[in-house]
Amino acid sequence: MNDDPVQELIVEVISRLAVRLGADGRKGLLAVVCTGATVGFGSALQQVRQLVLRGYRVELAFSDAAESLYGKAFRDQLAGFPHVSGVDPHRWLKALGEARAVAAPLLSVNSLSKLALLVADNLASNLLLHGLFMGKPVIVARNGAAPESPGRRDLGFHLGTPALNRALEERFQTLSAYGCSIADVNELSATVDSILAERPSEAIVREAPLPSVPRPNLAAAGGVVTAVDVVHAHRVGADLRLGRGAIVTPLARELAARHGVAMVES
């Protein structure tokens, strides 16, 4: 409980005004993930507030490093904002299934590298990586890891070799190829809103299905078709055209069946 009467008054005012300003949760659930980056902390916090005020419900998840560095402070700064809670680490897959998108306003170099290598070894990276596998929009802010970020320059993290900077950019390019949307932290909430405005919820899709139209075929790269190929095809609204003798992984078949991605043999 907060023993500061001024802080209690601020929280009460926020809680009363927020709904009037648009924080009614009508746009659905977002999983918001923070990893160990600290660059852009204030902007990240402001963007989460903006997401709530834009009408989203937010469930927060922190990596162990992020929790240790600023987890409590981050939650305290959101006190009074409605529709903000935490992801239950024992039920994260259910939370992810209900989320319309995953957003990461604070992404560290460590987490960026793990995702590029398809490593998911904690709550935060599981939400991000498996959000991609499920074909959900995943939007990450680049400021916490980008070589050109002013915050990283202020910390002296811009003095590495060109090879280091290229490696970071290649990791961002890999995430983009996986289906991530990469944004500046100050544009995160607007990016989320723009992407989801073009993706009606499942309930809306069921109520008003679009007319059936022929789907384009996307050639699967290489002789092994993976979950990454299926996720990419799903995001662009295409089926997969398989080469002769192509091997389809079990997870790729499962995701294809779930998302309606047909596999057409050449």
Protein backbone atom coordinates (compact mmCIF):
# COMPACT_ATOMS: atom_id res chain seq x y z
CA MET A 1 0.00 0.00 0.00
CA ASN A 2 1.23 3.51 -0.83
CA ASP A 3 1.71 5.68 2.30
CA ASP A 4 2.32 8.88 0.29
CA PRO A 5 -0.97 10.86 0.31
CA VAL A 6 0.09 12.95 -2.69
CA GLN A 7 0.85 9.84 -4.71
CA GLU A 8 -2.45 8.30 -3.64
CA LEU A 9 -4.27 11.43 -4.83
CA ILE A 10 -2.46 11.29 -8.20
CA VAL A 11 -3.41 7.64 -8.66
CA GLU A 12 -7.03 8.39 -7.80
CA VAL A 13 -7.19 11.26 -10.30
CA ILE A 14 -5.64 9.11 -13.03
CA SER A 15 -8.05 6.26 -12.39
CA ARG A 16 -11.05 8.61 -12.64
CA LEU A 17 -9.91 10.45 -15.76
CA ALA A 18 -8.37 7.62 -17.76
CA VAL A 19 -11.63 6.06 -18.94
CA ARG A 20 -12.93 9.45 -20.03
CA LEU A 21 -9.76 9.84 -22.08
CA GLY A 22 -10.35 6.55 -23.91
CA ALA A 23 -8.95 3.86 -21.58
CA ASP A 24 -11.94 1.54 -21.81
CA GLY A 25 -10.15 -1.61 -23.01
CA ARG A 26 -12.45 -1.93 -26.02
CA LYS A 27 -9.63 -2.65 -28.50
CA GLY A 28 -8.56 -5.89 -26.84
CA LEU A 29 -5.52 -7.30 -25.10
CA LEU A 30 -1.84 -6.59 -25.75
CA ALA A 31 1.11 -8.47 -24.27
CA VAL A 32 3.74 -5.82 -23.48
CA VAL A 33 7.24 -7.22 -22.98
CA CYS A 34 10.25 -5.47 -21.46
CA THR A 35 13.73 -6.94 -21.43
CA GLY A 36 16.95 -5.62 -19.89
CA ALA A 37 17.41 -2.50 -22.02
CA THR A 38 17.27 0.82 -20.16
CA VAL A 39 17.72 3.24 -23.07
CA GLY A 40 14.39 4.94 -23.74
CA PHE A 41 12.85 3.95 -20.39
CA GLY A 42 10.81 7.14 -20.04
CA SER A 43 9.57 6.97 -23.61
CA ALA A 44 8.70 3.29 -23.21
CA LEU A 45 6.63 4.04 -20.14
CA GLN A 46 4.83 6.85 -21.94
CA GLN A 47 4.06 4.57 -24.89
CA VAL A 48 2.48 1.96 -22.61
CA ARG A 49 0.31 4.69 -21.10
CA GLN A 50 -0.67 5.74 -24.61
CA LEU A 51 -1.66 2.17 -25.49
CA VAL A 52 -3.98 2.11 -22.48
CA LEU A 53 -5.44 5.49 -23.39
CA ARG A 54 -5.95 4.29 -26.97
CA GLY A 55 -8.31 1.64 -25.59
CA TYR A 56 -6.14 -1.46 -25.12
CA ARG A 57 -5.86 -3.80 -22.16
CA VAL A 58 -2.24 -4.43 -21.28
CA GLU A 59 -0.59 -7.42 -19.63
CA LEU A 60 3.03 -6.75 -18.70
CA ALA A 61 5.89 -9.25 -18.78
CA PHE A 62 9.49 -8.62 -17.75
CA SER A 63 12.64 -10.63 -18.30
CA ASP A 64 14.61 -11.41 -15.15
CA ALA A 65 17.05 -8.60 -15.94
CA ALA A 66 14.25 -6.10 -16.57
CA GLU A 67 12.44 -7.12 -13.39
CA SER A 68 15.61 -6.60 -11.38
CA LEU A 69 16.45 -3.26 -13.00
CA TYR A 70 13.11 -1.51 -13.11
CA GLY A 71 10.12 -3.87 -12.90
CA LYS A 72 8.63 -2.36 -9.73
CA ALA A 73 9.32 1.22 -10.85
CA PHE A 74 7.65 0.55 -14.20
CA ARG A 75 4.53 -0.87 -12.58
CA ASP A 76 4.43 1.92 -10.00
CA GLN A 77 4.47 4.54 -12.76
CA LEU A 78 1.37 2.91 -14.27
CA ALA A 79 -0.54 3.01 -10.99
CA GLY A 80 -4.08 4.30 -11.53
CA PHE A 81 -4.22 3.34 -15.20
CA PRO A 82 -7.03 0.83 -15.74
CA HIS A 83 -6.75 -2.43 -17.67
CA VAL A 84 -3.09 -2.96 -16.71
CA SER A 85 -2.04 -6.28 -15.18
CA GLY A 86 0.78 -8.81 -15.37
CA VAL A 87 1.15 -11.97 -17.44
CA ASP A 88 0.85 -15.05 -15.25
CA PRO A 89 4.14 -16.89 -15.96
CA HIS A 90 2.36 -20.22 -15.50
CA ARG A 91 -0.33 -19.31 -18.05
CA TRP A 92 1.64 -17.27 -20.54
CA LEU A 93 0.50 -19.32 -23.52
CA LYS A 94 -3.15 -18.61 -22.70
CA ALA A 95 -2.38 -14.90 -22.36
CA LEU A 96 -0.55 -14.97 -25.69
CA GLY A 97 -3.46 -16.73 -27.36
CA GLU A 98 -5.83 -14.00 -26.19
CA ALA A 99 -3.52 -11.12 -27.12
CA ARG A 100 -4.06 -9.28 -30.38
CA ALA A 101 -0.36 -8.37 -30.56
CA VAL A 102 2.91 -8.41 -28.67
CA ALA A 103 4.80 -5.14 -28.16
CA ALA A 104 8.32 -4.71 -26.75
CA PRO A 105 9.08 -1.08 -25.86
CA LEU A 106 12.39 -2.08 -24.24
CA LEU A 107 14.47 -4.69 -26.10
CA SER A 108 18.06 -5.42 -25.05
CA VAL A 109 20.96 -6.57 -27.21
CA ASN A 110 20.80 -9.90 -25.38
CA SER A 111 17.11 -10.44 -26.18
CA LEU A 112 17.54 -9.22 -29.75
CA SER A 113 20.29 -11.80 -30.29
CA LYS A 114 18.27 -14.61 -28.70
CA LEU A 115 15.24 -13.91 -30.87
CA ALA A 116 17.37 -13.82 -34.02
CA LEU A 117 18.63 -17.29 -33.06
CA LEU A 118 15.12 -18.55 -32.17
CA VAL A 119 16.07 -18.91 -28.50
CA ALA A 120 13.21 -18.60 -26.00
CA ASP A 121 14.45 -19.28 -22.47
CA ASN A 122 12.33 -16.95 -20.33
CA LEU A 123 8.85 -15.46 -20.14
CA ALA A 124 9.70 -12.39 -22.22
CA SER A 125 11.41 -14.22 -25.09
CA ASN A 126 8.72 -16.92 -25.12
CA LEU A 127 6.01 -14.31 -25.63
CA LEU A 128 7.92 -12.58 -28.42
CA LEU A 129 9.08 -15.67 -30.31
CA HIS A 130 5.90 -17.69 -29.97
CA GLY A 131 3.86 -14.64 -30.87
CA LEU A 132 5.65 -14.80 -34.22
CA PHE A 133 5.03 -18.53 -34.50
CA MET A 134 1.32 -17.88 -33.91
CA GLY A 135 1.24 -15.28 -36.67
CA LYS A 136 0.50 -12.39 -34.33
CA PRO A 137 1.81 -8.88 -34.92
CA VAL A 138 5.01 -8.42 -32.93
CA ILE A 139 6.23 -4.84 -32.67
CA VAL A 140 9.60 -4.07 -31.08
CA ALA A 141 11.35 -0.78 -30.36
CA ARG A 142 14.90 -0.67 -31.69
CA ASN A 143 16.27 2.06 -29.38
CA GLY A 144 17.55 -0.23 -26.63
CA ALA A 145 19.89 -2.10 -28.98
CA ALA A 146 20.36 0.01 -32.13
CA PRO A 147 23.89 1.30 -32.77
CA GLU A 148 22.67 4.78 -33.72
CA SER A 149 20.44 5.22 -30.66
CA PRO A 150 21.30 8.50 -28.86
CA GLY A 151 20.85 6.80 -25.50
CA ARG A 152 23.42 4.13 -26.34
CA ARG A 153 25.79 6.80 -27.63
CA ASP A 154 25.43 8.66 -24.32
CA LEU A 155 26.52 5.46 -22.57
CA GLY A 156 29.53 5.11 -24.85
CA PHE A 157 28.16 2.03 -26.61
CA HIS A 158 28.84 3.46 -30.08
CA LEU A 159 32.61 2.99 -30.01
CA GLY A 160 32.70 -0.65 -31.05
CA THR A 161 34.01 -1.88 -34.38
CA PRO A 162 31.97 -1.64 -37.57
CA ALA A 163 31.59 -5.42 -37.43
CA LEU A 164 29.71 -5.12 -34.12
CA ASN A 165 27.34 -2.52 -35.55
CA ARG A 166 26.74 -4.64 -38.64
CA ALA A 167 25.98 -7.64 -36.43
CA LEU A 168 23.30 -5.70 -34.57
CA GLU A 169 21.72 -4.47 -37.80
CA GLU A 170 21.76 -7.99 -39.21
CA ARG A 171 19.87 -9.20 -36.14
CA PHE A 172 17.23 -6.52 -36.65
CA GLN A 173 16.97 -7.54 -40.30
CA THR A 174 16.53 -11.15 -39.22
CA LEU A 175 13.68 -10.20 -36.88
CA SER A 176 12.07 -8.23 -39.67
CA ALA A 177 12.32 -11.26 -41.95
CA TYR A 178 10.64 -13.35 -39.22
CA GLY A 179 7.72 -10.93 -39.29
CA CYS A 180 8.58 -8.39 -36.57
CA SER A 181 7.74 -4.74 -37.10
CA ILE A 182 10.68 -2.59 -35.96
CA ALA A 183 9.81 0.90 -34.70
CA ASP A 184 11.27 3.85 -32.86
CA VAL A 185 10.14 3.70 -29.25
CA ASN A 186 8.39 7.08 -29.57
CA GLU A 187 6.22 5.68 -32.38
CA LEU A 188 5.41 2.34 -30.75
CA SER A 189 1.80 2.96 -29.74
CA ALA A 190 0.95 4.56 -33.09
CA THR A 191 2.57 1.62 -34.91
CA VAL A 192 0.58 -0.91 -32.87
CA ASP A 193 -2.64 1.00 -33.50
CA SER A 194 -1.95 1.26 -37.23
CA ILE A 195 -1.18 -2.44 -37.63
CA LEU A 196 -4.18 -3.62 -35.62
CA ALA A 197 -6.53 -1.21 -37.41
CA GLU A 198 -5.85 -3.30 -40.53
CA ARG A 199 -6.41 -6.60 -38.68
CA PRO A 200 -9.96 -7.01 -37.37
CA SER A 201 -10.34 -9.23 -34.34
CA GLU A 202 -11.32 -12.90 -34.75
CA ALA A 203 -14.84 -12.08 -33.53
CA ILE A 204 -15.26 -9.50 -36.28
CA VAL A 205 -13.91 -11.91 -38.87
CA ARG A 206 -16.44 -14.55 -37.83
CA GLU A 207 -19.32 -12.06 -37.98
CA ALA A 208 -18.41 -10.59 -41.35
CA PRO A 209 -16.28 -13.02 -43.41
CA LEU A 210 -14.70 -11.63 -46.51
CA PRO A 211 -15.66 -13.03 -49.92
CA SER A 212 -13.53 -15.96 -51.02
CA VAL A 213 -10.78 -14.86 -53.39
CA PRO A 214 -7.89 -16.80 -54.91
CA ARG A 215 -4.80 -16.69 -52.71
CA PRO A 216 -1.33 -16.17 -54.18
CA ASN A 217 1.27 -18.93 -53.92
CA LEU A 218 4.54 -18.13 -52.22
CA ALA A 219 7.52 -20.30 -53.14
CA ALA A 220 9.01 -21.93 -50.05
CA ALA A 221 12.69 -21.12 -49.70
CA GLY A 222 14.99 -24.14 -49.58
CA GLY A 223 14.23 -27.82 -49.34
CA VAL A 224 12.97 -27.73 -45.74
CA VAL A 225 9.75 -25.86 -44.97
CA THR A 226 9.79 -24.52 -41.39
CA ALA A 227 7.42 -22.65 -39.10
CA VAL A 228 9.10 -19.40 -40.19
CA ASP A 229 7.99 -20.03 -43.81
CA VAL A 230 4.41 -20.67 -42.67
CA VAL A 231 4.29 -17.57 -40.46
CA HIS A 232 5.57 -15.40 -43.30
CA ALA A 233 3.02 -16.83 -45.74
CA HIS A 234 0.22 -16.29 -43.23
CA ARG A 235 1.23 -12.66 -42.64
CA VAL A 236 1.16 -11.87 -46.39
CA GLY A 237 -2.04 -13.87 -47.02
CA ALA A 238 -0.48 -16.50 -49.26
CA ASP A 239 -0.26 -20.27 -49.57
CA LEU A 240 3.07 -22.10 -49.86
CA ARG A 241 4.29 -23.67 -53.09
CA LEU A 242 6.58 -26.59 -52.29
CA GLY A 243 9.49 -27.67 -54.43
CA ARG A 244 9.95 -31.28 -55.50
CA GLY A 245 10.99 -33.42 -52.53
CA ALA A 246 10.49 -30.62 -50.00
CA ILE A 247 10.46 -31.65 -46.33
CA VAL A 248 7.86 -30.02 -44.06
CA THR A 249 8.60 -29.91 -40.34
CA PRO A 250 5.84 -31.07 -37.93
CA LEU A 251 5.52 -27.59 -36.40
CA ALA A 252 5.18 -26.07 -39.87
CA ARG A 253 2.32 -28.47 -40.68
CA GLU A 254 0.62 -27.67 -37.38
CA LEU A 255 0.83 -23.91 -37.92
CA ALA A 256 -0.28 -24.23 -41.55
CA ALA A 257 -3.39 -26.13 -40.47
CA ARG A 258 -4.12 -23.64 -37.70
CA HIS A 259 -3.79 -20.57 -39.93
CA GLY A 260 -5.25 -22.00 -43.14
CA VAL A 261 -2.03 -21.89 -45.14
CA ALA A 262 -2.27 -24.49 -47.90
CA MET A 263 0.83 -26.31 -49.11
CA VAL A 264 0.74 -26.75 -52.88
CA GLU A 265 3.12 -29.20 -54.50
CA SER A 266 4.77 -28.02 -57.69
